[in-house]
Structure formats: C-alpha cells, structure tokens
N, C-alpha and C. Protein backbone atom coordinates (compact mmCIF):
# COMPACT_ATOMS: atom_id res chain seq x y z
N MET A 1 83.50 123.34 92.06
CA MET A 1 83.42 122.32 93.06
C MET A 1 83.10 120.98 92.41
N GLU A 2 83.61 119.93 93.00
CA GLU A 2 83.33 118.57 92.54
C GLU A 2 82.91 117.71 93.72
N LYS A 3 82.35 116.53 93.41
CA LYS A 3 81.89 115.61 94.45
C LYS A 3 82.66 114.30 94.39
N ALA A 4 82.77 113.68 95.55
CA ALA A 4 83.35 112.36 95.70
C ALA A 4 82.53 111.64 96.77
N ILE A 5 82.44 110.31 96.68
CA ILE A 5 81.66 109.55 97.67
C ILE A 5 82.50 108.38 98.18
N PHE A 6 82.60 108.30 99.51
CA PHE A 6 83.41 107.28 100.17
C PHE A 6 82.61 106.61 101.29
N ALA A 7 82.79 105.30 101.43
CA ALA A 7 82.20 104.54 102.53
C ALA A 7 83.34 103.83 103.26
N GLY A 8 83.43 104.08 104.56
CA GLY A 8 84.51 103.48 105.34
C GLY A 8 84.08 103.20 106.76
N GLY A 9 82.93 102.55 106.91
CA GLY A 9 82.41 102.27 108.24
C GLY A 9 81.42 103.34 108.65
N CYS A 10 81.24 103.51 109.93
CA CYS A 10 80.29 104.49 110.46
C CYS A 10 80.58 105.86 109.85
N PHE A 11 79.56 106.46 109.27
CA PHE A 11 79.78 107.72 108.55
C PHE A 11 80.11 108.90 109.45
N TRP A 12 79.83 108.83 110.74
CA TRP A 12 80.14 109.95 111.63
C TRP A 12 81.63 110.28 111.62
N GLY A 13 82.47 109.27 111.79
CA GLY A 13 83.91 109.49 111.83
C GLY A 13 84.48 109.87 110.48
N VAL A 14 83.99 109.23 109.42
CA VAL A 14 84.46 109.54 108.07
C VAL A 14 84.14 111.00 107.74
N GLU A 15 82.91 111.41 108.03
CA GLU A 15 82.48 112.78 107.78
C GLU A 15 83.36 113.77 108.56
N ALA A 16 83.57 113.51 109.83
CA ALA A 16 84.34 114.43 110.68
C ALA A 16 85.76 114.60 110.17
N LEU A 17 86.41 113.52 109.76
CA LEU A 17 87.78 113.63 109.28
C LEU A 17 87.86 114.32 107.93
N PHE A 18 86.94 114.03 107.02
CA PHE A 18 86.97 114.73 105.73
C PHE A 18 86.74 116.22 105.91
N GLU A 19 85.91 116.62 106.86
CA GLU A 19 85.66 118.04 107.08
C GLU A 19 86.90 118.79 107.55
N GLU A 20 87.88 118.08 108.08
CA GLU A 20 89.13 118.70 108.53
C GLU A 20 90.13 118.91 107.41
N LEU A 21 89.92 118.27 106.26
CA LEU A 21 90.90 118.28 105.17
C LEU A 21 90.81 119.58 104.38
N ASP A 22 91.94 120.22 104.19
CA ASP A 22 92.00 121.45 103.40
C ASP A 22 91.51 121.17 101.98
N GLY A 23 90.63 122.00 101.50
CA GLY A 23 90.07 121.84 100.16
C GLY A 23 88.70 121.21 100.16
N VAL A 24 88.31 120.61 101.29
CA VAL A 24 86.97 120.04 101.40
C VAL A 24 86.03 121.16 101.85
N ILE A 25 84.99 121.36 101.08
CA ILE A 25 84.02 122.42 101.36
C ILE A 25 82.95 121.91 102.33
N ALA A 26 82.49 120.68 102.10
CA ALA A 26 81.45 120.08 102.94
C ALA A 26 81.51 118.57 102.83
N ALA A 27 81.06 117.91 103.89
CA ALA A 27 80.93 116.45 103.91
C ALA A 27 79.55 116.14 104.46
N THR A 28 78.84 115.26 103.77
CA THR A 28 77.46 114.94 104.12
C THR A 28 77.31 113.44 104.32
N SER A 29 76.78 113.03 105.45
CA SER A 29 76.52 111.62 105.71
C SER A 29 75.28 111.16 104.96
N GLY A 30 75.34 109.92 104.47
CA GLY A 30 74.18 109.39 103.75
C GLY A 30 74.34 107.92 103.44
N TYR A 31 73.50 107.48 102.52
CA TYR A 31 73.41 106.06 102.16
C TYR A 31 73.52 105.91 100.65
N ILE A 32 74.20 104.84 100.22
CA ILE A 32 74.40 104.59 98.80
C ILE A 32 74.67 103.11 98.57
N GLY A 33 74.39 102.67 97.36
CA GLY A 33 74.80 101.33 96.95
C GLY A 33 73.79 100.24 97.17
N GLY A 34 72.57 100.59 97.54
CA GLY A 34 71.57 99.57 97.80
C GLY A 34 70.43 99.60 96.81
N HIS A 35 69.37 98.89 97.16
CA HIS A 35 68.24 98.75 96.24
C HIS A 35 66.95 99.35 96.78
N THR A 36 66.98 99.99 97.92
CA THR A 36 65.80 100.61 98.51
C THR A 36 65.82 102.12 98.25
N GLU A 37 64.71 102.67 97.77
CA GLU A 37 64.64 104.11 97.57
C GLU A 37 64.37 104.81 98.89
N ASN A 38 65.00 105.97 99.08
CA ASN A 38 64.81 106.80 100.26
C ASN A 38 64.95 106.02 101.57
N PRO A 39 66.05 105.30 101.74
CA PRO A 39 66.21 104.51 102.97
C PRO A 39 66.38 105.41 104.19
N THR A 40 65.98 104.89 105.32
CA THR A 40 66.20 105.55 106.61
C THR A 40 67.30 104.78 107.35
N TYR A 41 67.75 105.37 108.43
CA TYR A 41 68.75 104.68 109.24
C TYR A 41 68.22 103.34 109.75
N ARG A 42 66.96 103.34 110.15
CA ARG A 42 66.34 102.09 110.61
C ARG A 42 66.36 101.04 109.48
N ASP A 43 66.07 101.46 108.25
CA ASP A 43 66.12 100.55 107.11
C ASP A 43 67.52 99.98 106.93
N ILE A 44 68.52 100.86 107.00
CA ILE A 44 69.91 100.44 106.82
C ILE A 44 70.30 99.40 107.88
N CYS A 45 69.90 99.65 109.10
CA CYS A 45 70.25 98.75 110.20
C CYS A 45 69.58 97.38 110.08
N SER A 46 68.55 97.28 109.26
CA SER A 46 67.88 95.98 109.06
C SER A 46 68.75 95.02 108.26
N LYS A 47 69.79 95.57 107.62
CA LYS A 47 70.71 94.80 106.77
C LYS A 47 69.99 94.20 105.55
N LYS A 48 68.88 94.81 105.15
CA LYS A 48 68.12 94.30 104.01
C LYS A 48 68.12 95.24 102.81
N THR A 49 68.74 96.42 102.94
CA THR A 49 68.67 97.41 101.86
C THR A 49 69.85 97.35 100.90
N GLY A 50 70.98 96.81 101.36
CA GLY A 50 72.18 96.79 100.54
C GLY A 50 72.96 98.09 100.54
N HIS A 51 72.47 99.11 101.23
CA HIS A 51 73.15 100.41 101.26
C HIS A 51 74.33 100.39 102.22
N ALA A 52 75.29 101.24 101.92
CA ALA A 52 76.43 101.49 102.81
C ALA A 52 76.25 102.86 103.44
N GLU A 53 76.71 103.00 104.67
CA GLU A 53 76.84 104.34 105.26
C GLU A 53 78.01 104.98 104.52
N ALA A 54 77.80 106.17 103.99
CA ALA A 54 78.81 106.81 103.16
C ALA A 54 78.83 108.30 103.40
N VAL A 55 79.84 108.95 102.84
CA VAL A 55 79.98 110.39 102.96
C VAL A 55 80.20 110.97 101.56
N GLU A 56 79.35 111.95 101.23
CA GLU A 56 79.51 112.69 99.99
C GLU A 56 80.37 113.92 100.31
N VAL A 57 81.48 114.03 99.61
CA VAL A 57 82.45 115.09 99.85
C VAL A 57 82.38 116.10 98.72
N LEU A 58 82.12 117.35 99.05
CA LEU A 58 82.16 118.45 98.10
C LEU A 58 83.53 119.10 98.28
N TYR A 59 84.30 119.17 97.20
CA TYR A 59 85.67 119.67 97.34
C TYR A 59 86.05 120.59 96.19
N ASP A 60 87.09 121.36 96.44
CA ASP A 60 87.64 122.29 95.46
C ASP A 60 88.86 121.62 94.83
N PRO A 61 88.76 121.19 93.57
CA PRO A 61 89.87 120.47 92.94
C PRO A 61 91.12 121.33 92.72
N SER A 62 90.99 122.64 92.87
CA SER A 62 92.19 123.49 92.78
C SER A 62 92.98 123.46 94.09
N ARG A 63 92.35 122.92 95.14
CA ARG A 63 93.02 122.86 96.45
C ARG A 63 93.36 121.44 96.89
N VAL A 64 92.57 120.46 96.45
CA VAL A 64 92.84 119.06 96.79
C VAL A 64 92.39 118.20 95.61
N SER A 65 93.24 117.28 95.21
CA SER A 65 92.91 116.42 94.07
C SER A 65 92.07 115.22 94.50
N TYR A 66 91.40 114.62 93.55
CA TYR A 66 90.64 113.41 93.84
C TYR A 66 91.59 112.30 94.31
N GLU A 67 92.76 112.20 93.69
CA GLU A 67 93.73 111.20 94.13
C GLU A 67 94.10 111.41 95.59
N ASP A 68 94.29 112.66 96.00
CA ASP A 68 94.62 112.93 97.40
C ASP A 68 93.46 112.61 98.33
N LEU A 69 92.22 112.81 97.86
CA LEU A 69 91.07 112.40 98.66
C LEU A 69 91.09 110.88 98.86
N CYS A 70 91.41 110.14 97.82
CA CYS A 70 91.50 108.68 97.93
C CYS A 70 92.62 108.28 98.89
N ARG A 71 93.76 108.92 98.79
CA ARG A 71 94.86 108.62 99.71
C ARG A 71 94.42 108.86 101.16
N TYR A 72 93.77 109.95 101.41
CA TYR A 72 93.27 110.31 102.73
C TYR A 72 92.26 109.27 103.22
N PHE A 73 91.34 108.89 102.33
CA PHE A 73 90.33 107.88 102.66
C PHE A 73 90.98 106.58 103.12
N TRP A 74 91.99 106.12 102.40
CA TRP A 74 92.63 104.86 102.77
C TRP A 74 93.43 104.97 104.06
N ARG A 75 93.68 106.18 104.56
CA ARG A 75 94.37 106.36 105.84
C ARG A 75 93.40 106.46 107.01
N LEU A 76 92.13 106.80 106.76
CA LEU A 76 91.23 107.08 107.88
C LEU A 76 90.40 105.89 108.33
N HIS A 77 90.60 104.74 107.70
CA HIS A 77 89.89 103.53 108.14
C HIS A 77 90.74 102.31 107.77
N ASP A 78 90.31 101.14 108.20
CA ASP A 78 91.01 99.90 107.85
C ASP A 78 90.33 99.30 106.62
N PRO A 79 90.94 99.46 105.45
CA PRO A 79 90.32 98.97 104.22
C PRO A 79 90.52 97.47 103.98
N THR A 80 91.05 96.77 104.98
CA THR A 80 91.31 95.34 104.80
C THR A 80 90.28 94.46 105.50
N THR A 81 89.31 95.08 106.16
CA THR A 81 88.29 94.30 106.86
C THR A 81 87.01 94.31 106.04
N LEU A 82 86.50 93.16 105.72
CA LEU A 82 85.31 93.03 104.88
C LEU A 82 84.06 93.27 105.72
N ASN A 83 83.26 94.25 105.29
CA ASN A 83 81.98 94.55 105.94
C ASN A 83 82.12 94.80 107.44
N ARG A 84 83.17 95.55 107.78
CA ARG A 84 83.40 95.81 109.20
C ARG A 84 84.37 96.98 109.37
N GLN A 85 84.12 97.77 110.41
CA GLN A 85 85.07 98.76 110.89
C GLN A 85 84.95 98.76 112.40
N GLY A 86 86.02 98.41 113.06
CA GLY A 86 86.01 98.36 114.52
C GLY A 86 84.88 97.48 115.01
N PRO A 87 84.05 98.00 115.92
CA PRO A 87 82.97 97.19 116.48
C PRO A 87 81.75 97.08 115.56
N ASP A 88 81.73 97.85 114.48
CA ASP A 88 80.57 97.87 113.58
C ASP A 88 80.70 96.78 112.52
N ILE A 89 79.71 95.89 112.48
CA ILE A 89 79.74 94.75 111.56
C ILE A 89 78.48 94.75 110.70
N GLY A 90 78.67 94.50 109.41
CA GLY A 90 77.56 94.43 108.48
C GLY A 90 77.93 95.10 107.17
N ASP A 91 77.22 94.76 106.10
CA ASP A 91 77.59 95.31 104.80
C ASP A 91 77.39 96.82 104.72
N GLN A 92 76.62 97.40 105.63
CA GLN A 92 76.46 98.86 105.63
C GLN A 92 77.74 99.56 106.08
N TYR A 93 78.69 98.80 106.64
CA TYR A 93 79.96 99.35 107.10
C TYR A 93 81.12 98.98 106.16
N ARG A 94 80.79 98.56 104.95
CA ARG A 94 81.84 98.14 104.01
C ARG A 94 82.69 99.33 103.56
N SER A 95 83.85 98.99 103.04
CA SER A 95 84.77 99.98 102.49
C SER A 95 84.53 100.07 100.98
N ALA A 96 84.22 101.28 100.52
CA ALA A 96 83.94 101.45 99.09
C ALA A 96 84.23 102.87 98.64
N ILE A 97 84.68 102.96 97.42
CA ILE A 97 84.79 104.24 96.72
C ILE A 97 83.75 104.17 95.61
N PHE A 98 82.80 105.09 95.65
CA PHE A 98 81.74 105.15 94.65
C PHE A 98 82.12 106.25 93.66
N TYR A 99 82.64 105.85 92.50
CA TYR A 99 83.12 106.85 91.55
C TYR A 99 81.98 107.44 90.73
N LEU A 100 82.18 108.72 90.37
CA LEU A 100 81.18 109.47 89.61
C LEU A 100 81.57 109.69 88.16
N SER A 101 82.77 109.25 87.79
CA SER A 101 83.25 109.40 86.41
C SER A 101 84.35 108.38 86.14
N ALA A 102 84.65 108.21 84.88
CA ALA A 102 85.75 107.31 84.49
C ALA A 102 87.08 107.82 85.05
N GLU A 103 87.21 109.15 85.13
CA GLU A 103 88.44 109.74 85.67
C GLU A 103 88.59 109.42 87.16
N GLN A 104 87.50 109.46 87.90
CA GLN A 104 87.57 109.11 89.32
C GLN A 104 87.91 107.63 89.49
N LYS A 105 87.32 106.78 88.67
CA LYS A 105 87.63 105.35 88.76
C LYS A 105 89.12 105.12 88.50
N ALA A 106 89.66 105.73 87.46
CA ALA A 106 91.07 105.56 87.12
C ALA A 106 91.97 106.08 88.24
N ALA A 107 91.60 107.21 88.83
CA ALA A 107 92.40 107.78 89.91
C ALA A 107 92.41 106.87 91.14
N ALA A 108 91.24 106.33 91.52
CA ALA A 108 91.15 105.43 92.67
C ALA A 108 91.98 104.17 92.42
N GLU A 109 91.87 103.61 91.22
CA GLU A 109 92.64 102.40 90.90
C GLU A 109 94.13 102.68 90.84
N LYS A 110 94.51 103.87 90.44
CA LYS A 110 95.93 104.25 90.39
C LYS A 110 96.52 104.34 91.79
N VAL A 111 95.76 104.89 92.74
CA VAL A 111 96.25 105.12 94.09
C VAL A 111 96.17 103.86 94.96
N LYS A 112 95.31 102.93 94.63
CA LYS A 112 95.12 101.73 95.47
C LYS A 112 96.41 100.95 95.73
N PRO A 113 97.25 100.66 94.72
CA PRO A 113 98.48 99.92 95.02
C PRO A 113 99.42 100.67 95.97
N GLU A 114 99.41 101.98 95.88
CA GLU A 114 100.19 102.81 96.79
C GLU A 114 99.67 102.63 98.23
N ALA A 115 98.36 102.64 98.38
CA ALA A 115 97.74 102.46 99.70
C ALA A 115 98.01 101.05 100.23
N GLN A 116 98.02 100.07 99.35
CA GLN A 116 98.22 98.67 99.77
C GLN A 116 99.55 98.50 100.50
N LYS A 117 100.54 99.31 100.18
CA LYS A 117 101.86 99.20 100.82
C LYS A 117 101.79 99.43 102.34
N ARG A 118 100.75 100.11 102.82
CA ARG A 118 100.59 100.38 104.25
C ARG A 118 100.04 99.18 105.02
N TRP A 119 99.43 98.24 104.32
CA TRP A 119 98.67 97.17 104.96
C TRP A 119 99.28 95.81 104.69
N LYS A 120 99.26 94.93 105.69
CA LYS A 120 99.76 93.56 105.52
C LYS A 120 98.73 92.69 104.80
N ARG A 121 97.45 92.92 105.09
CA ARG A 121 96.38 92.15 104.45
C ARG A 121 95.92 92.89 103.20
N PRO A 122 95.30 92.18 102.27
CA PRO A 122 94.82 92.83 101.04
C PRO A 122 93.69 93.83 101.31
N ILE A 123 93.72 94.94 100.60
CA ILE A 123 92.64 95.91 100.65
C ILE A 123 91.41 95.30 99.98
N VAL A 124 90.27 95.41 100.64
CA VAL A 124 89.01 94.86 100.10
C VAL A 124 88.05 95.96 99.65
N THR A 125 88.51 97.19 99.64
CA THR A 125 87.68 98.32 99.23
C THR A 125 87.13 98.10 97.83
N GLU A 126 85.81 98.24 97.71
CA GLU A 126 85.19 98.18 96.39
C GLU A 126 85.39 99.53 95.70
N ILE A 127 85.67 99.49 94.42
CA ILE A 127 85.71 100.70 93.59
C ILE A 127 84.62 100.49 92.55
N ILE A 128 83.47 101.14 92.79
CA ILE A 128 82.28 100.84 92.00
C ILE A 128 81.55 102.13 91.59
N PRO A 129 80.74 102.03 90.54
CA PRO A 129 80.02 103.23 90.11
C PRO A 129 79.04 103.70 91.18
N ALA A 130 78.92 105.00 91.29
CA ALA A 130 77.97 105.58 92.24
C ALA A 130 76.55 105.37 91.74
N SER A 131 75.69 105.09 92.67
CA SER A 131 74.25 105.08 92.40
C SER A 131 73.68 106.30 93.12
N MET A 132 72.41 106.32 93.34
CA MET A 132 71.78 107.45 94.02
C MET A 132 72.29 107.56 95.45
N PHE A 133 72.72 108.76 95.84
CA PHE A 133 73.15 109.04 97.21
C PHE A 133 71.97 109.67 97.94
N TYR A 134 71.64 109.10 99.08
CA TYR A 134 70.53 109.61 99.89
C TYR A 134 71.11 110.24 101.16
N ARG A 135 70.82 111.50 101.37
CA ARG A 135 71.28 112.20 102.57
C ARG A 135 70.66 111.54 103.80
N ALA A 136 71.49 111.30 104.80
CA ALA A 136 71.00 110.72 106.06
C ALA A 136 70.20 111.75 106.83
N GLU A 137 69.48 111.28 107.81
CA GLU A 137 68.68 112.13 108.67
C GLU A 137 69.55 113.22 109.30
N GLU A 138 68.93 114.34 109.61
CA GLU A 138 69.66 115.50 110.12
C GLU A 138 70.47 115.17 111.38
N TYR A 139 69.96 114.32 112.24
CA TYR A 139 70.70 114.04 113.48
C TYR A 139 72.02 113.32 113.23
N HIS A 140 72.22 112.78 112.02
CA HIS A 140 73.50 112.16 111.68
C HIS A 140 74.51 113.17 111.14
N GLN A 141 74.05 114.33 110.68
CA GLN A 141 74.96 115.32 110.10
C GLN A 141 75.77 116.00 111.20
N ASP A 142 77.08 116.10 110.99
CA ASP A 142 77.97 116.75 111.96
C ASP A 142 77.76 116.20 113.37
N TYR A 143 77.64 114.90 113.45
CA TYR A 143 77.29 114.25 114.72
C TYR A 143 78.22 114.64 115.87
N PHE A 144 79.53 114.57 115.64
CA PHE A 144 80.47 114.85 116.73
C PHE A 144 80.52 116.33 117.07
N LYS A 145 80.28 117.21 116.11
CA LYS A 145 80.20 118.64 116.43
C LYS A 145 79.00 118.91 117.33
N LYS A 146 77.91 118.21 117.09
CA LYS A 146 76.69 118.42 117.87
C LYS A 146 76.73 117.75 119.24
N HIS A 147 77.39 116.60 119.34
CA HIS A 147 77.31 115.79 120.56
C HIS A 147 78.64 115.60 121.28
N GLY A 148 79.72 116.07 120.69
CA GLY A 148 81.04 115.85 121.29
C GLY A 148 81.51 114.43 121.04
N GLY A 149 82.65 114.13 121.56
CA GLY A 149 83.21 112.79 121.38
C GLY A 149 83.90 112.65 120.04
N HIS A 150 84.29 111.43 119.76
CA HIS A 150 84.93 111.10 118.48
C HIS A 150 84.67 109.64 118.19
N GLY A 151 84.81 109.28 116.95
CA GLY A 151 84.55 107.90 116.54
C GLY A 151 85.80 107.06 116.61
N CYS A 152 85.73 105.92 116.03
CA CYS A 152 86.87 105.02 116.02
C CYS A 152 87.76 105.25 114.79
N HIS A 153 87.45 106.27 114.00
CA HIS A 153 88.28 106.60 112.84
C HIS A 153 89.42 107.52 113.27
N TYR A 154 90.58 107.30 112.70
CA TYR A 154 91.73 108.16 112.94
C TYR A 154 92.66 108.02 111.75
N LEU A 155 93.51 109.03 111.55
CA LEU A 155 94.44 108.99 110.42
C LEU A 155 95.66 108.14 110.77
N ARG A 156 95.95 107.21 109.90
CA ARG A 156 97.15 106.38 110.04
C ARG A 156 98.27 107.03 109.26
N ASP A 157 99.50 106.84 109.72
CA ASP A 157 100.66 107.40 109.00
C ASP A 157 100.88 106.73 107.68
C-alpha cells in the first residue's frame, strides 16, 4: 500500500469520491500544510494556521497508479479557483497535491498539462512537499456515510 495526499476544498466531498475509486483502500480527512501542531477544525476555521483541509489516500499501486489518482483529483474539483471551492472560501480550501516522494512530484507535474486541457482558466493547484498530516476529528470522517447528503464535489468528464 502507498499514500497520497490531496486538498481540493471541503474534505468531506474529496474523501467520499476517493473512497469510490477502485484501488483506494481508505481515505482519511485531515489537515496539512500549516504551521500549527495538532490543529483542530476550529483552529483551521480561524484562517490563522495555514493548513488546508485535505485527504490522505491509502491505495494499492497494483490496482491504481499515482498518476491516475492525480487525474481523478483534477476531475473532482475546480483546480482553477484560488483558495476556494464552491461556496467555501479561504486558504484552507485551496487546491494542492502534497507529494511524498520525488516520484510523486514528477507524476503530478507530468499529468498537470493533460488536466489543464479540460479547463479554460489556468490550474492553480499547488504541487508541494507534504508536511505532517493531522487526522481530522472523528465526526469529519466518512461524513456523508454518517449523515447522508453529498457535497459540492462531483466528477467532471
């Protein structure tokens, strides 16, 4: 198993869609990319921590490649909006790929121009090294499975 970390707005929708992808073993909502240790959701909402809402994806590379995870990521949100997804505004909703190795960085950069062809505006997704990933509070995990409904994330063709 390998890990990948993606931020594409509210983590509830990102997590739910990744969990549907063949080859994904688990998706966990959390926080990454900021300067506060052990942040809480309340901390993130203060807009003072620098963290993004993100999803850590545990996947089987024999069933789905990292490049395919990146392709899927760029389809499930609008990567052309800076610090925003739908009604959610703030740097915690930024679009980012947090790579865990040089190979992941190269794969994300390789797939980005392919993804850009889908969008009229430039992709603003950051491709940056992963820092410490902090698991979000339990009530954020599998949010839509627990509460029903769906987020504003959906797969684009």
